[in-house]
Amino acid sequence: MSSQLEDLPFTEFIQRPTAATGRLASVRALRLRRRDAEDLTVMPTDRAEREGQVVDFTARLLVSLLAQTDGPELVRAALPAALPWVRFLPPEEVKTLASELAETSVTATSLGNTAPIAQLLIEWRHTAELHADPELFHLLTHPSGEDYGPATPPEAAHA
């Protein structure tokens, strides 16, 4: 799914709101670029509600599918097509990802908040990146063999 966002400076949106919102007829949403703060996204309410319904449906479908006899295996088999980076994960971790995705999806959608699902996917993607780089994986999963001495207590580090 492509996210057709059109970038627009926040000041332009403030100065010419009618022209700016008129662009929403041809793009999914506007990304309002701000200098000193996080960017904002503007989209028609009905589109946001429809997208929310799709996310909710997809999460519930996933949970329902995982509850079926062969469901977990079907989801694990489908993950590489949906998330290509899954191929870098060991099979046991793919099982864990599928399980965590199901649990997080049902709880997050029950709250009407998809942020936990997005965070879970970010974390697993980083795990896959680690597995994709054997040298980095070795550095982070094996002792360095060196003793760097005692750690500075946190309160002393800020003094």
C-alpha atoms as a PDB file:
ATOM      1  CA  MET A   1       0.000   0.000   0.000  1.00  0.00           C
ATOM      2  CA  SER A   2       1.531   3.302  -0.988  1.00  0.00           C
ATOM      3  CA  SER A   3       1.075   6.274   1.266  1.00  0.00           C
ATOM      4  CA  GLN A   4       0.458   9.089  -1.158  1.00  0.00           C
ATOM      5  CA  LEU A   5       1.355  12.020   1.050  1.00  0.00           C
ATOM      6  CA  GLU A   6       2.065  15.407  -0.402  1.00  0.00           C
ATOM      7  CA  ASP A   7       4.545  17.517   1.535  1.00  0.00           C
ATOM      8  CA  LEU A   8       3.527  21.054   2.335  1.00  0.00           C
ATOM      9  CA  PRO A   9       5.187  23.650   4.559  1.00  0.00           C
ATOM     10  CA  PHE A  10       3.044  24.333   7.617  1.00  0.00           C
ATOM     11  CA  THR A  11       3.235  28.071   6.957  1.00  0.00           C
ATOM     12  CA  GLU A  12       1.724  27.577   3.495  1.00  0.00           C
ATOM     13  CA  PHE A  13      -1.128  25.607   5.043  1.00  0.00           C
ATOM     14  CA  ILE A  14      -1.773  28.449   7.512  1.00  0.00           C
ATOM     15  CA  GLN A  15      -1.512  31.194   4.877  1.00  0.00           C
ATOM     16  CA  ARG A  16      -3.621  29.477   2.187  1.00  0.00           C
ATOM     17  CA  PRO A  17      -5.796  26.855   3.899  1.00  0.00           C
ATOM     18  CA  THR A  18      -8.421  26.608   1.132  1.00  0.00           C
ATOM     19  CA  ALA A  19      -5.856  25.939  -1.587  1.00  0.00           C
ATOM     20  CA  ALA A  20      -3.990  23.515   0.661  1.00  0.00           C
ATOM     21  CA  THR A  21      -7.039  21.455   1.590  1.00  0.00           C
ATOM     22  CA  GLY A  22      -8.140  21.480  -2.053  1.00  0.00           C
ATOM     23  CA  ARG A  23      -5.127  19.274  -2.772  1.00  0.00           C
ATOM     24  CA  LEU A  24      -6.732  16.493  -0.740  1.00  0.00           C
ATOM     25  CA  ALA A  25      -8.921  15.673  -3.740  1.00  0.00           C
ATOM     26  CA  SER A  26      -5.899  14.190  -5.522  1.00  0.00           C
ATOM     27  CA  VAL A  27      -3.729  12.828  -2.680  1.00  0.00           C
ATOM     28  CA  ARG A  28      -4.328  10.570   0.301  1.00  0.00           C
ATOM     29  CA  ALA A  29      -3.163  13.157   2.820  1.00  0.00           C
ATOM     30  CA  LEU A  30      -0.987  16.206   3.345  1.00  0.00           C
ATOM     31  CA  ARG A  31       2.190  16.056   5.403  1.00  0.00           C
ATOM     32  CA  LEU A  32       2.626  19.457   7.000  1.00  0.00           C
ATOM     33  CA  ARG A  33       6.346  20.080   7.491  1.00  0.00           C
ATOM     34  CA  ARG A  34       7.161  22.087  10.600  1.00  0.00           C
ATOM     35  CA  ARG A  35      10.575  23.487  11.458  1.00  0.00           C
ATOM     36  CA  ASP A  36      10.606  23.076  15.209  1.00  0.00           C
ATOM     37  CA  ALA A  37       8.115  20.299  15.807  1.00  0.00           C
ATOM     38  CA  GLU A  38       6.950  16.935  14.563  1.00  0.00           C
ATOM     39  CA  ASP A  39       5.258  16.961  11.154  1.00  0.00           C
ATOM     40  CA  LEU A  40       1.470  16.731  11.027  1.00  0.00           C
ATOM     41  CA  THR A  41      -0.761  14.778   8.665  1.00  0.00           C
ATOM     42  CA  VAL A  42      -4.057  16.178   7.412  1.00  0.00           C
ATOM     43  CA  MET A  43      -6.645  14.008   5.694  1.00  0.00           C
ATOM     44  CA  PRO A  44     -10.411  14.046   5.298  1.00  0.00           C
ATOM     45  CA  THR A  45     -12.191  12.607   8.330  1.00  0.00           C
ATOM     46  CA  ASP A  46     -14.118  10.038   6.314  1.00  0.00           C
ATOM     47  CA  ARG A  47     -10.859   8.706   4.848  1.00  0.00           C
ATOM     48  CA  ALA A  48      -9.270   8.489   8.306  1.00  0.00           C
ATOM     49  CA  GLU A  49     -12.334   6.643   9.615  1.00  0.00           C
ATOM     50  CA  ARG A  50     -12.290   4.208   6.669  1.00  0.00           C
ATOM     51  CA  GLU A  51      -8.585   3.533   7.153  1.00  0.00           C
ATOM     52  CA  GLY A  52      -9.203   2.986  10.857  1.00  0.00           C
ATOM     53  CA  GLN A  53     -11.944   0.488  10.034  1.00  0.00           C
ATOM     54  CA  VAL A  54      -9.584  -1.377   7.703  1.00  0.00           C
ATOM     55  CA  VAL A  55      -6.888  -1.527  10.379  1.00  0.00           C
ATOM     56  CA  ASP A  56      -9.408  -2.710  12.961  1.00  0.00           C
ATOM     57  CA  PHE A  57     -10.815  -5.338  10.578  1.00  0.00           C
ATOM     58  CA  THR A  58      -7.342  -6.555   9.630  1.00  0.00           C
ATOM     59  CA  ALA A  59      -6.288  -6.893  13.264  1.00  0.00           C
ATOM     60  CA  ARG A  60      -9.465  -8.775  14.177  1.00  0.00           C
ATOM     61  CA  LEU A  61      -9.118 -11.009  11.113  1.00  0.00           C
ATOM     62  CA  LEU A  62      -5.541 -11.810  12.105  1.00  0.00           C
ATOM     63  CA  VAL A  63      -6.575 -12.695  15.639  1.00  0.00           C
ATOM     64  CA  SER A  64      -9.454 -14.833  14.368  1.00  0.00           C
ATOM     65  CA  LEU A  65      -7.196 -16.585  11.879  1.00  0.00           C
ATOM     66  CA  LEU A  66      -4.632 -17.339  14.566  1.00  0.00           C
ATOM     67  CA  ALA A  67      -7.374 -18.947  16.670  1.00  0.00           C
ATOM     68  CA  GLN A  68      -8.072 -21.513  13.919  1.00  0.00           C
ATOM     69  CA  THR A  69      -6.380 -24.921  13.945  1.00  0.00           C
ATOM     70  CA  ASP A  70      -3.954 -24.173  11.101  1.00  0.00           C
ATOM     71  CA  GLY A  71      -4.135 -20.408  11.593  1.00  0.00           C
ATOM     72  CA  PRO A  72      -0.759 -19.803  13.222  1.00  0.00           C
ATOM     73  CA  GLU A  73       1.019 -21.702  10.453  1.00  0.00           C
ATOM     74  CA  LEU A  74      -0.908 -19.797   7.762  1.00  0.00           C
ATOM     75  CA  VAL A  75       0.000 -16.453   9.331  1.00  0.00           C
ATOM     76  CA  ARG A  76       3.659 -17.442   9.690  1.00  0.00           C
ATOM     77  CA  ALA A  77       3.656 -18.547   6.042  1.00  0.00           C
ATOM     78  CA  ALA A  78       2.142 -15.217   4.962  1.00  0.00           C
ATOM     79  CA  LEU A  79       4.457 -12.982   7.008  1.00  0.00           C
ATOM     80  CA  PRO A  80       7.350 -12.950   4.480  1.00  0.00           C
ATOM     81  CA  ALA A  81       5.018 -11.606   1.784  1.00  0.00           C
ATOM     82  CA  ALA A  82       3.667  -8.896   4.091  1.00  0.00           C
ATOM     83  CA  LEU A  83       6.971  -8.122   5.834  1.00  0.00           C
ATOM     84  CA  PRO A  84       9.891  -9.171   3.576  1.00  0.00           C
ATOM     85  CA  TRP A  85      12.450  -8.541   6.324  1.00  0.00           C
ATOM     86  CA  VAL A  86      10.954 -11.482   8.292  1.00  0.00           C
ATOM     87  CA  ARG A  87      13.153 -13.742   6.160  1.00  0.00           C
ATOM     88  CA  PHE A  88      16.146 -12.660   8.259  1.00  0.00           C
ATOM     89  CA  LEU A  89      14.558 -13.891  11.493  1.00  0.00           C
ATOM     90  CA  PRO A  90      15.173 -17.409  12.792  1.00  0.00           C
ATOM     91  CA  PRO A  91      12.043 -19.626  12.590  1.00  0.00           C
ATOM     92  CA  GLU A  92      11.483 -19.547  16.367  1.00  0.00           C
ATOM     93  CA  GLU A  93      11.479 -15.749  16.327  1.00  0.00           C
ATOM     94  CA  VAL A  94       8.980 -15.693  13.443  1.00  0.00           C
ATOM     95  CA  LYS A  95       6.653 -17.740  15.672  1.00  0.00           C
ATOM     96  CA  THR A  96       7.165 -15.257  18.490  1.00  0.00           C
ATOM     97  CA  LEU A  97       6.522 -12.330  16.143  1.00  0.00           C
ATOM     98  CA  ALA A  98       3.254 -13.892  14.951  1.00  0.00           C
ATOM     99  CA  SER A  99       2.132 -14.481  18.527  1.00  0.00           C
ATOM    100  CA  GLU A 100       3.054 -10.983  19.703  1.00  0.00           C
ATOM    101  CA  LEU A 101       1.421  -9.471  16.632  1.00  0.00           C
ATOM    102  CA  ALA A 102      -1.848 -11.257  17.390  1.00  0.00           C
ATOM    103  CA  GLU A 103      -1.854 -10.269  21.067  1.00  0.00           C
ATOM    104  CA  THR A 104      -0.871  -6.683  20.388  1.00  0.00           C
ATOM    105  CA  SER A 105      -3.363  -6.325  17.545  1.00  0.00           C
ATOM    106  CA  VAL A 106      -6.354  -7.372  19.604  1.00  0.00           C
ATOM    107  CA  THR A 107      -5.433  -5.257  22.627  1.00  0.00           C
ATOM    108  CA  ALA A 108      -4.437  -2.195  20.618  1.00  0.00           C
ATOM    109  CA  THR A 109      -7.561  -2.225  18.467  1.00  0.00           C
ATOM    110  CA  SER A 110      -9.733  -2.657  21.551  1.00  0.00           C
ATOM    111  CA  LEU A 111      -8.277   0.664  22.719  1.00  0.00           C
ATOM    112  CA  GLY A 112      -8.614   2.279  19.297  1.00  0.00           C
ATOM    113  CA  ASN A 113      -4.867   2.907  19.235  1.00  0.00           C
ATOM    114  CA  THR A 114      -2.649   1.303  16.586  1.00  0.00           C
ATOM    115  CA  ALA A 115       0.577   2.820  17.941  1.00  0.00           C
ATOM    116  CA  PRO A 116       1.505  -0.369  19.858  1.00  0.00           C
ATOM    117  CA  ILE A 117       1.204  -2.392  16.638  1.00  0.00           C
ATOM    118  CA  ALA A 118       3.440   0.057  14.797  1.00  0.00           C
ATOM    119  CA  GLN A 119       5.967  -0.014  17.658  1.00  0.00           C
ATOM    120  CA  LEU A 120       5.988  -3.820  17.671  1.00  0.00           C
ATOM    121  CA  LEU A 121       6.702  -3.890  13.931  1.00  0.00           C
ATOM    122  CA  ILE A 122       9.497  -1.325  14.343  1.00  0.00           C
ATOM    123  CA  GLU A 123      11.097  -3.417  17.092  1.00  0.00           C
ATOM    124  CA  TRP A 124      10.899  -6.653  15.107  1.00  0.00           C
ATOM    125  CA  ARG A 125      12.253  -4.931  12.009  1.00  0.00           C
ATOM    126  CA  HIS A 126      15.281  -3.816  14.028  1.00  0.00           C
ATOM    127  CA  THR A 127      15.698  -7.394  15.252  1.00  0.00           C
ATOM    128  CA  ALA A 128      15.661  -8.584  11.631  1.00  0.00           C
ATOM    129  CA  GLU A 129      18.259  -5.927  10.742  1.00  0.00           C
ATOM    130  CA  LEU A 130      20.465  -7.311  13.499  1.00  0.00           C
ATOM    131  CA  HIS A 131      20.133 -10.862  12.163  1.00  0.00           C
ATOM    132  CA  ALA A 132      20.845  -9.636   8.627  1.00  0.00           C
ATOM    133  CA  ASP A 133      24.279  -8.357   9.681  1.00  0.00           C
ATOM    134  CA  PRO A 134      26.338 -11.298  11.028  1.00  0.00           C
ATOM    135  CA  GLU A 135      29.162  -9.069  12.256  1.00  0.00           C
ATOM    136  CA  LEU A 136      26.831  -6.786  14.202  1.00  0.00           C
ATOM    137  CA  PHE A 137      24.903  -9.793  15.517  1.00  0.00           C
ATOM    138  CA  HIS A 138      28.147 -11.297  16.822  1.00  0.00           C
ATOM    139  CA  LEU A 139      29.243  -8.022  18.439  1.00  0.00           C
ATOM    140  CA  LEU A 140      25.946  -7.595  20.260  1.00  0.00           C
ATOM    141  CA  THR A 141      25.384 -11.195  21.320  1.00  0.00           C
ATOM    142  CA  HIS A 142      28.859 -12.275  22.445  1.00  0.00           C
ATOM    143  CA  PRO A 143      31.032 -10.977  25.280  1.00  0.00           C
ATOM    144  CA  SER A 144      33.675  -8.525  24.136  1.00  0.00           C
ATOM    145  CA  GLY A 145      36.295 -10.159  26.353  1.00  0.00           C
ATOM    146  CA  GLU A 146      37.246  -6.802  27.801  1.00  0.00           C
ATOM    147  CA  ASP A 147      36.466  -5.319  31.191  1.00  0.00           C
ATOM    148  CA  TYR A 148      35.821  -1.616  30.967  1.00  0.00           C
ATOM    149  CA  GLY A 149      35.871  -1.132  34.724  1.00  0.00           C
ATOM    150  CA  PRO A 150      33.108  -0.022  37.053  1.00  0.00           C
ATOM    151  CA  ALA A 151      30.227   1.962  35.630  1.00  0.00           C
ATOM    152  CA  THR A 152      29.693   5.502  36.847  1.00  0.00           C
ATOM    153  CA  PRO A 153      26.530   5.774  38.959  1.00  0.00           C
ATOM    154  CA  PRO A 154      23.826   7.702  37.067  1.00  0.00           C
ATOM    155  CA  GLU A 155      23.606  10.541  39.612  1.00  0.00           C
ATOM    156  CA  ALA A 156      27.378  11.118  39.392  1.00  0.00           C
ATOM    157  CA  ALA A 157      27.282  11.195  35.599  1.00  0.00           C
ATOM    158  CA  HIS A 158      24.896  14.196  35.603  1.00  0.00           C
ATOM    159  CA  ALA A 159      26.840  16.257  38.167  1.00  0.00           C
END
